[in-house]
Structure formats: C-alpha cells, structure tokens
C-alpha cells in the first residue's frame, strides 16, 4: 500500500485560486496561501497561472534533476482536491469551488436526467463513446460562475485570458480564449499576452505530461525527455518576461498502474451491483442492491482489501473528503452506497455489452496515494 494523503482544503490547489482572487478583492470562503499573498502584494502587471495536467510533485522530482529550473523554484507542496482527477480539479481551478460544491466529481458520472453514464467533459456515453445528447449534461445541470466572471465583476479594468488546447470545451465568459496546439505555442502565447498593455490575469492549461503518462507510465524515458523540454521552455519564457509573476502547478499527479480489474468478470461482485461503477476507475462509485450491503462489503474485502479503501456513502458525504461548503444537489446522486478509493496501482473497470474496446492505461490518477494527491507550487517572479 502506498502512503495515503487526504485532501487538505486549507493547503490545496483551491487555496492557490483563493490567493489570486483575494488579490482582486474577492473572498471565496477558502483560506489563502500566505507566501502567495505576500508575492501578489507586489502588484505585478501580469498574474499568470499555468496548470500542467498530471504534473504531480513526485513526477517532477523523479523526472528532473534537483538543480533543474522547475524544481529549484518549488515553494511548497499542496494537495489536489478529491477525487484527484482533471474533471474535479480543473473545475475547482475554474470555479474556486470544491468538488463538493461544483459537482463535477469525475470523468464518468451517471446522470439520471439523461438515463446514462456520461463522460463529463466530452459529453459522450461512457461505454459506447457515442454522443447522442443534444444538451451538454454537465454544463446544463451543474453550471457555475467562473473565476473569470468573478474577477471581471470585481475589477473591470483587469482582462482575463485562458490559453487552452484547441479541442477543450469551456463555458462562455468574459475571458478571452487563446487556442494552442503545442507547448511552443503555449509559451509564445503567454509571452505575447504579457507584452500587451494593461493589467491581466492569464490562466493556461496543457494536457501534458498526463497524456504521455497514461500511455507510457510515469517514469519512462518519454516522460523524462518531456519534463526536460518543459523545464527549458519555462526557463526561456521566464528570462523574457517583465512585471509578471508566474504560478505553476498541476491538477493532480499520477501513479503507475499494475492491474486492471473488471468487476463484471467477478460474479460474486457483479451480482451485488445495480449498475456499472462510475466517477473514476480509482474513485469508483458503487451502487449496491438493497439488502446486499453486508454481503458486498465482505466480498469486496475478500477481493480488494489490499488495493482499495471502501468508504460508505454517509462517510464520503459527511467527512469533508470532497471539500467544504454547501454540497451541490447532484453530488447526492453521484455517490452510490460506497466509494472505492485506490491505495495501490489498480483500476476498477466494467465492460458492458455496448463498451468500445477499452484503452489500456500505464499510468492513472484519482486515488488517495501521495503520488496522485501532492502537486508542486512553483512561483517565478
């Protein structure tokens, strides 16, 4: 079992956002990070927040030398939110809310209003990967006010920009979208924006190293080469910036995967389930047939006690695992009788009769291990 890290909602990625919003005169209800507050008091013309998908503290430290530019500028480690996955974490960045409040808990959620498990960002059926929905399920049922709207309302003189990959979908807002197709275009775009007149908040998201690690694993030569390239690009950009503070972090980390378990292939488990698991393969929401709860708990322990913590629904909802604040009404729908949280390198999956051939993951996230939960806070002045 890996070291378990629970989210710390007083020292997590949400608190990075809280510090930025505090600088613009906005109170989120979450505590801020003192070192960031003090840096932002210097009133830089440009505040840049760069998020690299999957770039956890462990990934950074295992794939770059201690003297590398990125590692040399790590100020501290903070936790991700839970589940430690892009859907929950990036929505926290974009909204300033916890998963408990915004409701975007994971990649695949069961929406009763659409009678199906839907991939939250892409709006596809989670198993067949078809898109038969005229409405975007998550944006329709779980809209939120973005941090760009909050900044615009509080400081009309500050322009907000988002620098994001071409295929990413975002809700409309006052932020000006800049679309990118490579790391080079990411850094070029930020430099160009920073050189414009006026005060700006610039937030970027890039889908690496997460994509490479899903395919190759977390500590391969491909990842090392990518991180070295990223380190060089950040250093080059830093040398060319003026009157700008750059805050770099991640949505979550990753862990190498050493086994995928298909619950439909274990009859003792499958016969207990009402429906396939949802949310995430490493944070699986499990709906159990009425009256079979005790049997299910015993069988789950028999098969998975070394690899997953089985957390009862009432504990998930009352413990603060998903964050502070008023729960979004959909959270109550999404959490089944249990949440199975990974603590080793295993995935829980399910193959339906409509499932497309599944992608085989070498690296993944959303669990409670240190590698997934801890991300760096890097600040460049």
Protein backbone atom coordinates (compact mmCIF):
# COMPACT_ATOMS: atom_id res chain seq x y z
CA UNK A 1 0.00 0.00 0.00
CA UNK A 2 1.28 3.45 -0.93
CA UNK A 3 1.28 6.35 1.51
CA UNK A 4 -2.24 7.76 1.76
CA UNK A 5 -2.80 11.51 1.55
CA UNK A 6 -6.21 13.03 2.17
CA UNK A 7 -7.03 16.38 0.58
CA UNK A 8 -6.21 19.33 2.81
CA UNK A 9 -8.67 22.07 1.92
CA UNK A 10 -6.50 24.61 3.76
CA UNK A 11 -3.41 23.67 1.71
CA UNK A 12 -4.60 22.59 -1.70
CA UNK A 13 -4.96 23.82 -5.26
CA UNK A 14 -8.15 25.68 -4.27
CA UNK A 15 -6.10 27.85 -1.93
CA UNK A 16 -3.92 28.93 -4.87
CA UNK A 17 -7.07 30.21 -6.55
CA UNK A 18 -8.21 31.83 -3.29
CA UNK A 19 -4.97 33.82 -3.06
CA UNK A 20 -5.37 35.07 -6.63
CA UNK A 21 -9.00 36.02 -6.05
CA UNK A 22 -8.11 37.70 -2.75
CA UNK A 23 -5.61 39.84 -4.67
CA UNK A 24 -8.51 41.02 -6.84
CA UNK A 25 -10.68 41.74 -3.79
CA UNK A 26 -12.80 38.57 -3.89
CA UNK A 27 -13.47 36.35 -0.86
CA UNK A 28 -14.05 32.70 -1.75
CA UNK A 29 -14.60 31.36 1.75
CA UNK A 30 -11.40 29.30 1.46
CA UNK A 31 -8.15 30.16 3.20
CA UNK A 32 -5.28 31.59 1.18
CA UNK A 33 -1.57 30.75 0.96
CA UNK A 34 0.49 33.33 2.83
CA UNK A 35 3.57 33.15 0.63
CA UNK A 36 1.43 33.75 -2.46
CA UNK A 37 -0.46 36.58 -0.78
CA UNK A 38 2.82 38.33 0.01
CA UNK A 39 4.13 37.93 -3.54
CA UNK A 40 0.88 39.22 -5.04
CA UNK A 41 1.09 42.32 -2.83
CA UNK A 42 3.87 43.46 -5.17
CA UNK A 43 1.09 44.22 -7.66
CA UNK A 44 2.57 42.75 -10.84
CA UNK A 45 1.00 43.85 -14.12
CA UNK A 46 0.53 40.24 -15.16
CA UNK A 47 -0.51 37.30 -13.00
CA UNK A 48 -0.04 34.03 -14.89
CA UNK A 49 -1.36 30.71 -13.58
CA UNK A 50 -0.06 27.72 -15.58
CA UNK A 51 -1.53 24.26 -14.96
CA UNK A 52 0.17 21.18 -16.40
CA UNK A 53 -2.06 18.13 -16.33
CA UNK A 54 -0.71 15.30 -14.17
CA UNK A 55 2.50 17.09 -13.15
CA UNK A 56 2.48 15.91 -9.55
CA UNK A 57 5.29 16.58 -7.11
CA UNK A 58 6.59 13.02 -7.45
CA UNK A 59 6.54 13.15 -11.26
CA UNK A 60 8.51 16.39 -11.15
CA UNK A 61 11.04 15.17 -8.62
CA UNK A 62 11.63 11.75 -10.21
CA UNK A 63 11.98 13.04 -13.78
CA UNK A 64 14.05 16.22 -13.28
CA UNK A 65 17.37 16.85 -11.56
CA UNK A 66 17.32 18.77 -8.25
CA UNK A 67 19.07 21.73 -9.92
CA UNK A 68 16.51 21.98 -12.75
CA UNK A 69 14.72 25.31 -13.05
CA UNK A 70 11.29 23.99 -12.10
CA UNK A 71 12.50 22.01 -9.08
CA UNK A 72 14.67 24.92 -7.92
CA UNK A 73 11.58 27.12 -7.74
CA UNK A 74 9.20 24.81 -5.86
CA UNK A 75 7.91 26.80 -2.89
CA UNK A 76 5.89 24.01 -1.29
CA UNK A 77 3.68 21.01 -1.96
CA UNK A 78 -0.08 21.29 -1.83
CA UNK A 79 -2.73 18.61 -2.21
CA UNK A 80 -5.12 18.17 -5.05
CA UNK A 81 -8.83 18.02 -4.36
CA UNK A 82 -10.59 14.66 -4.25
CA UNK A 83 -11.09 12.80 -6.47
CA UNK A 84 -7.61 13.68 -7.73
CA UNK A 85 -8.63 13.91 -11.35
CA UNK A 86 -8.79 16.55 -14.07
CA UNK A 87 -12.57 16.92 -14.07
CA UNK A 88 -12.81 17.66 -10.35
CA UNK A 89 -9.56 19.61 -10.08
CA UNK A 90 -9.72 21.81 -13.18
CA UNK A 91 -13.32 22.71 -12.36
CA UNK A 92 -12.05 23.71 -8.90
CA UNK A 93 -9.46 25.95 -10.57
CA UNK A 94 -12.04 27.45 -12.93
CA UNK A 95 -14.72 27.99 -10.27
CA UNK A 96 -12.90 28.48 -6.96
CA UNK A 97 -15.21 25.78 -5.56
CA UNK A 98 -14.57 22.31 -4.15
CA UNK A 99 -15.88 19.18 -5.90
CA UNK A 100 -18.50 19.03 -3.14
CA UNK A 101 -19.75 22.43 -4.28
CA UNK A 102 -19.35 22.30 -8.06
CA UNK A 103 -20.42 18.68 -8.54
CA UNK A 104 -18.03 17.77 -11.38
CA UNK A 105 -16.68 14.78 -9.43
CA UNK A 106 -15.00 12.75 -12.15
CA UNK A 107 -14.66 11.66 -15.73
CA UNK A 108 -17.79 9.48 -15.89
CA UNK A 109 -20.97 10.39 -14.00
CA UNK A 110 -24.42 8.80 -14.02
CA UNK A 111 -26.97 11.45 -14.94
CA UNK A 112 -30.49 10.19 -14.24
CA UNK A 113 -31.84 13.09 -16.29
CA UNK A 114 -30.13 11.61 -19.37
CA UNK A 115 -30.51 7.97 -18.30
CA UNK A 116 -26.85 7.18 -18.74
CA UNK A 117 -23.22 7.35 -17.66
CA UNK A 118 -21.73 10.33 -19.46
CA UNK A 119 -18.12 11.46 -19.80
CA UNK A 120 -18.36 14.82 -18.12
CA UNK A 121 -16.09 16.93 -20.33
CA UNK A 122 -16.70 15.31 -23.73
CA UNK A 123 -20.44 14.59 -23.22
CA UNK A 124 -20.07 11.08 -24.69
CA UNK A 125 -21.64 7.87 -23.44
CA UNK A 126 -19.04 6.45 -21.05
CA UNK A 127 -19.11 2.97 -22.56
CA UNK A 128 -20.03 3.20 -26.25
CA UNK A 129 -18.33 6.63 -26.62
CA UNK A 130 -21.20 7.78 -28.83
CA UNK A 131 -22.65 11.26 -28.45
CA UNK A 132 -26.43 11.17 -28.69
CA UNK A 133 -27.15 14.09 -26.39
CA UNK A 134 -28.47 17.39 -27.71
CA UNK A 135 -27.56 19.12 -24.44
CA UNK A 136 -24.24 19.11 -22.58
CA UNK A 137 -25.17 17.21 -19.43
CA UNK A 138 -22.66 18.71 -17.01
CA UNK A 139 -22.94 22.33 -18.15
CA UNK A 140 -26.75 22.05 -18.18
CA UNK A 141 -27.12 20.54 -14.71
CA UNK A 142 -24.01 21.89 -12.97
CA UNK A 143 -23.29 25.40 -14.27
CA UNK A 144 -21.02 27.60 -12.18
CA UNK A 145 -19.75 31.16 -12.08
CA UNK A 146 -16.13 31.13 -13.25
CA UNK A 147 -13.25 32.91 -11.56
CA UNK A 148 -13.00 34.99 -14.75
CA UNK A 149 -16.53 36.26 -14.17
CA UNK A 150 -15.72 37.00 -10.52
CA UNK A 151 -12.60 38.95 -11.50
CA UNK A 152 -14.46 40.83 -14.22
CA UNK A 153 -17.23 41.85 -11.80
CA UNK A 154 -14.78 42.98 -9.12
CA UNK A 155 -12.14 44.54 -11.40
CA UNK A 156 -13.43 45.61 -14.78
CA UNK A 157 -10.00 47.00 -15.68
CA UNK A 158 -8.35 43.56 -15.42
CA UNK A 159 -8.55 41.45 -18.58
CA UNK A 160 -8.71 37.67 -18.20
CA UNK A 161 -7.29 35.25 -20.75
CA UNK A 162 -7.39 31.46 -20.99
CA UNK A 163 -4.72 29.69 -23.01
CA UNK A 164 -6.03 26.20 -23.74
CA UNK A 165 -5.77 23.31 -26.24
CA UNK A 166 -7.85 23.56 -29.41
CA UNK A 167 -10.26 20.74 -28.54
CA UNK A 168 -11.09 21.75 -24.96
CA UNK A 169 -14.66 22.94 -24.34
CA UNK A 170 -15.23 25.84 -21.95
CA UNK A 171 -18.32 27.75 -20.92
CA UNK A 172 -18.68 31.26 -22.30
CA UNK A 173 -17.39 34.07 -20.09
CA UNK A 174 -15.56 37.39 -20.09
CA UNK A 175 -12.21 35.62 -20.51
CA UNK A 176 -10.63 35.85 -23.96
CA UNK A 177 -9.74 32.37 -25.24
CA UNK A 178 -6.42 31.72 -26.95
CA UNK A 179 -6.23 28.28 -28.58
CA UNK A 180 -2.95 26.37 -28.77
CA UNK A 181 -1.70 23.17 -30.39
CA UNK A 182 1.76 22.67 -28.83
CA UNK A 183 3.96 23.57 -25.88
CA UNK A 184 5.77 26.10 -28.04
CA UNK A 185 2.52 27.87 -28.93
CA UNK A 186 1.58 27.83 -25.24
CA UNK A 187 4.68 29.75 -24.18
CA UNK A 188 4.63 32.04 -27.23
CA UNK A 189 1.02 32.96 -26.48
CA UNK A 190 1.74 33.79 -22.85
CA UNK A 191 4.70 35.98 -23.82
CA UNK A 192 2.60 37.79 -26.41
CA UNK A 193 -0.23 38.41 -23.94
CA UNK A 194 2.11 39.62 -21.20
CA UNK A 195 3.58 42.21 -23.57
CA UNK A 196 0.17 43.78 -24.19
CA UNK A 197 -0.85 46.93 -22.34
CA UNK A 198 -2.93 46.75 -19.18
CA UNK A 199 -3.34 44.51 -16.14
CA UNK A 200 -4.07 40.88 -16.90
CA UNK A 201 -4.86 37.54 -15.34
CA UNK A 202 -3.75 34.75 -17.66
CA UNK A 203 -4.58 31.12 -16.95
CA UNK A 204 -3.24 28.30 -19.08
CA UNK A 205 -3.94 24.57 -19.15
CA UNK A 206 -1.92 22.00 -21.05
CA UNK A 207 -2.71 18.27 -21.24
CA UNK A 208 0.83 17.03 -20.65
CA UNK A 209 2.57 15.21 -19.04
CA UNK A 210 -0.72 13.45 -18.21
CA UNK A 211 -1.38 12.13 -21.73
CA UNK A 212 2.11 10.67 -22.12
CA UNK A 213 1.97 9.06 -18.67
CA UNK A 214 -1.43 7.48 -19.36
CA UNK A 215 0.15 5.80 -22.39
CA UNK A 216 3.73 5.14 -21.25
CA UNK A 217 3.77 5.23 -17.44
CA UNK A 218 5.12 7.88 -15.09
CA UNK A 219 8.88 7.30 -15.05
CA UNK A 220 9.81 6.34 -18.60
CA UNK A 221 12.35 7.99 -20.89
CA UNK A 222 9.47 9.64 -22.78
CA UNK A 223 8.33 11.41 -19.62
CA UNK A 224 11.87 12.39 -18.61
CA UNK A 225 12.50 13.91 -22.04
CA UNK A 226 9.19 15.74 -21.92
CA UNK A 227 9.88 17.19 -18.47
CA UNK A 228 13.35 18.33 -19.56
CA UNK A 229 11.84 20.07 -22.58
CA UNK A 230 9.22 21.71 -20.37
CA UNK A 231 11.89 22.86 -17.92
CA UNK A 232 13.82 24.53 -20.76
CA UNK A 233 10.71 26.24 -22.15
CA UNK A 234 9.74 27.64 -18.74
CA UNK A 235 13.26 28.99 -18.18
CA UNK A 236 13.33 30.60 -21.64
CA UNK A 237 9.95 32.26 -21.05
CA UNK A 238 10.96 33.48 -17.60
CA UNK A 239 14.01 35.27 -18.99
CA UNK A 240 11.83 37.21 -21.43
CA UNK A 241 9.07 38.32 -19.03
CA UNK A 242 8.80 41.67 -17.24
CA UNK A 243 6.50 42.83 -14.44
CA UNK A 244 4.99 39.34 -14.29
CA UNK A 245 4.56 36.65 -11.66
CA UNK A 246 4.11 33.09 -12.94
CA UNK A 247 2.47 30.49 -10.70
CA UNK A 248 2.88 26.91 -11.92
CA UNK A 249 1.09 23.86 -10.55
CA UNK A 250 -0.96 20.83 -11.60
CA UNK A 251 -4.42 19.41 -11.22
CA UNK A 252 -3.16 16.11 -9.76
CA UNK A 253 -0.29 13.64 -10.00
CA UNK A 254 -0.18 10.11 -11.41
CA UNK A 255 0.80 6.60 -10.35
CA UNK A 256 1.95 3.63 -12.45
CA UNK A 257 -0.81 1.06 -12.99
CA UNK A 258 -0.08 -2.63 -12.35
CA UNK A 259 -3.50 -4.15 -12.83
CA UNK A 260 -6.97 -3.51 -14.28
CA UNK A 261 -9.85 -5.35 -12.59
CA UNK A 262 -13.11 -5.84 -14.50
CA UNK A 263 -15.92 -6.16 -11.96
CA UNK A 264 -18.23 -7.82 -14.50
CA UNK A 265 -15.76 -10.73 -14.61
CA UNK A 266 -16.17 -11.43 -10.86
CA UNK A 267 -19.68 -12.94 -10.43
CA UNK A 268 -19.66 -12.57 -6.63
CA UNK A 269 -19.18 -8.83 -7.02
CA UNK A 270 -21.23 -8.27 -10.16
CA UNK A 271 -24.38 -9.83 -8.72
CA UNK A 272 -24.34 -7.23 -5.92
CA UNK A 273 -24.25 -4.23 -8.24
CA UNK A 274 -27.26 -2.29 -9.52
CA UNK A 275 -25.24 -0.68 -12.31
CA UNK A 276 -21.64 -0.30 -13.52
CA UNK A 277 -19.27 1.79 -11.39
CA UNK A 278 -18.96 5.47 -12.23
CA UNK A 279 -16.91 8.60 -11.39
CA UNK A 280 -13.37 7.17 -11.84
CA UNK A 281 -11.60 3.76 -12.01
CA UNK A 282 -9.61 4.76 -8.90
CA UNK A 283 -12.50 6.50 -7.13
CA UNK A 284 -15.39 4.26 -8.08
CA UNK A 285 -18.96 4.99 -7.05
CA UNK A 286 -20.67 1.66 -6.40
CA UNK A 287 -24.45 1.27 -6.24
CA UNK A 288 -25.36 -1.97 -4.43
CA UNK A 289 -28.67 -3.85 -4.48
CA UNK A 290 -30.83 -3.22 -1.39
CA UNK A 291 -30.23 -5.85 1.29
CA UNK A 292 -26.86 -6.95 -0.15
CA UNK A 293 -24.70 -4.29 1.53
CA UNK A 294 -23.14 -6.58 4.15
CA UNK A 295 -22.53 -9.35 1.64
CA UNK A 296 -20.95 -6.86 -0.73
CA UNK A 297 -18.66 -5.46 1.98
CA UNK A 298 -17.43 -8.96 2.83
CA UNK A 299 -16.83 -9.88 -0.80
CA UNK A 300 -15.16 -6.57 -1.61
CA UNK A 301 -12.80 -7.08 1.33
CA UNK A 302 -12.05 -10.61 0.13
CA UNK A 303 -11.01 -9.45 -3.33
CA UNK A 304 -9.75 -5.89 -2.92
CA UNK A 305 -8.77 -5.11 0.69
CA UNK A 306 -5.10 -4.61 -0.23
CA UNK A 307 -5.82 -2.23 -3.09
CA UNK A 308 -8.90 -0.15 -2.25
CA UNK A 309 -10.49 1.53 0.75
CA UNK A 310 -14.26 1.05 0.70
CA UNK A 311 -15.82 4.21 2.13
CA UNK A 312 -19.56 4.16 2.95
CA UNK A 313 -21.70 6.83 1.32
CA UNK A 314 -22.53 8.62 4.59
CA UNK A 315 -18.82 8.95 5.43
CA UNK A 316 -18.00 10.31 1.97
CA UNK A 317 -20.70 12.94 2.31
CA UNK A 318 -20.02 13.93 5.94
CA UNK A 319 -16.22 13.69 6.25
CA UNK A 320 -15.23 16.62 4.04
CA UNK A 321 -13.42 14.30 1.61
CA UNK A 322 -14.97 16.15 -1.34
CA UNK A 323 -14.43 19.58 0.19
CA UNK A 324 -16.12 22.25 2.24
CA UNK A 325 -19.18 24.35 1.51
CA UNK A 326 -22.76 23.58 0.56
CA UNK A 327 -22.99 20.30 -1.40
CA UNK A 328 -24.20 20.55 -4.97
CA UNK A 329 -27.51 18.71 -5.24
CA UNK A 330 -26.07 16.37 -7.88
CA UNK A 331 -23.37 15.08 -5.52
CA UNK A 332 -26.09 13.19 -3.66
CA UNK A 333 -26.98 11.46 -6.95
CA UNK A 334 -23.42 10.61 -7.94
CA UNK A 335 -22.25 8.92 -4.74
CA UNK A 336 -23.53 5.35 -4.50
CA UNK A 337 -23.63 3.14 -1.42
CA UNK A 338 -19.83 3.14 -1.41
CA UNK A 339 -16.83 4.90 -2.89
CA UNK A 340 -13.90 2.57 -3.63
CA UNK A 341 -10.69 4.62 -3.33
CA UNK A 342 -7.44 3.20 -4.72
CA UNK A 343 -4.35 2.99 -2.50
CA UNK A 344 -2.13 0.86 -4.80
CA UNK A 345 -1.70 0.71 -8.59
CA UNK A 346 -5.03 -0.90 -9.50
CA UNK A 347 -8.04 0.23 -11.55
CA UNK A 348 -11.67 -0.90 -11.18
CA UNK A 349 -13.39 -1.15 -14.53
CA UNK A 350 -16.53 -2.63 -16.08
CA UNK A 351 -17.23 -3.95 -19.56
CA UNK A 352 -20.82 -3.57 -20.75
CA UNK A 353 -22.33 -5.13 -23.86
CA UNK A 354 -22.06 -1.73 -25.54
CA UNK A 355 -18.48 -0.98 -24.43
CA UNK A 356 -15.95 0.07 -27.00
CA UNK A 357 -12.55 -1.65 -26.83
CA UNK A 358 -11.02 -0.14 -23.69
CA UNK A 359 -7.86 1.93 -23.53
CA UNK A 360 -5.11 0.24 -21.51
CA UNK A 361 -3.59 2.67 -19.02
CA UNK A 362 0.05 2.55 -17.94
CA UNK A 363 -0.47 5.48 -15.57
CA UNK A 364 -3.58 6.86 -13.90
CA UNK A 365 -4.93 9.00 -11.06
CA UNK A 366 -7.99 9.88 -8.91
CA UNK A 367 -6.88 7.75 -5.93
CA UNK A 368 -5.61 8.66 -2.47
CA UNK A 369 -1.90 7.91 -2.88
CA UNK A 370 0.77 10.50 -2.26
CA UNK A 371 1.85 10.34 -5.90
CA UNK A 372 -1.62 11.33 -7.09
CA UNK A 373 -2.54 13.76 -4.34
CA UNK A 374 0.53 16.01 -3.98
CA UNK A 375 1.34 18.70 -6.54
CA UNK A 376 4.04 21.39 -6.59
CA UNK A 377 3.51 25.09 -6.07
CA UNK A 378 6.13 26.82 -8.22
CA UNK A 379 6.42 30.61 -8.25
CA UNK A 380 8.58 32.63 -10.65
CA UNK A 381 8.98 36.36 -10.08
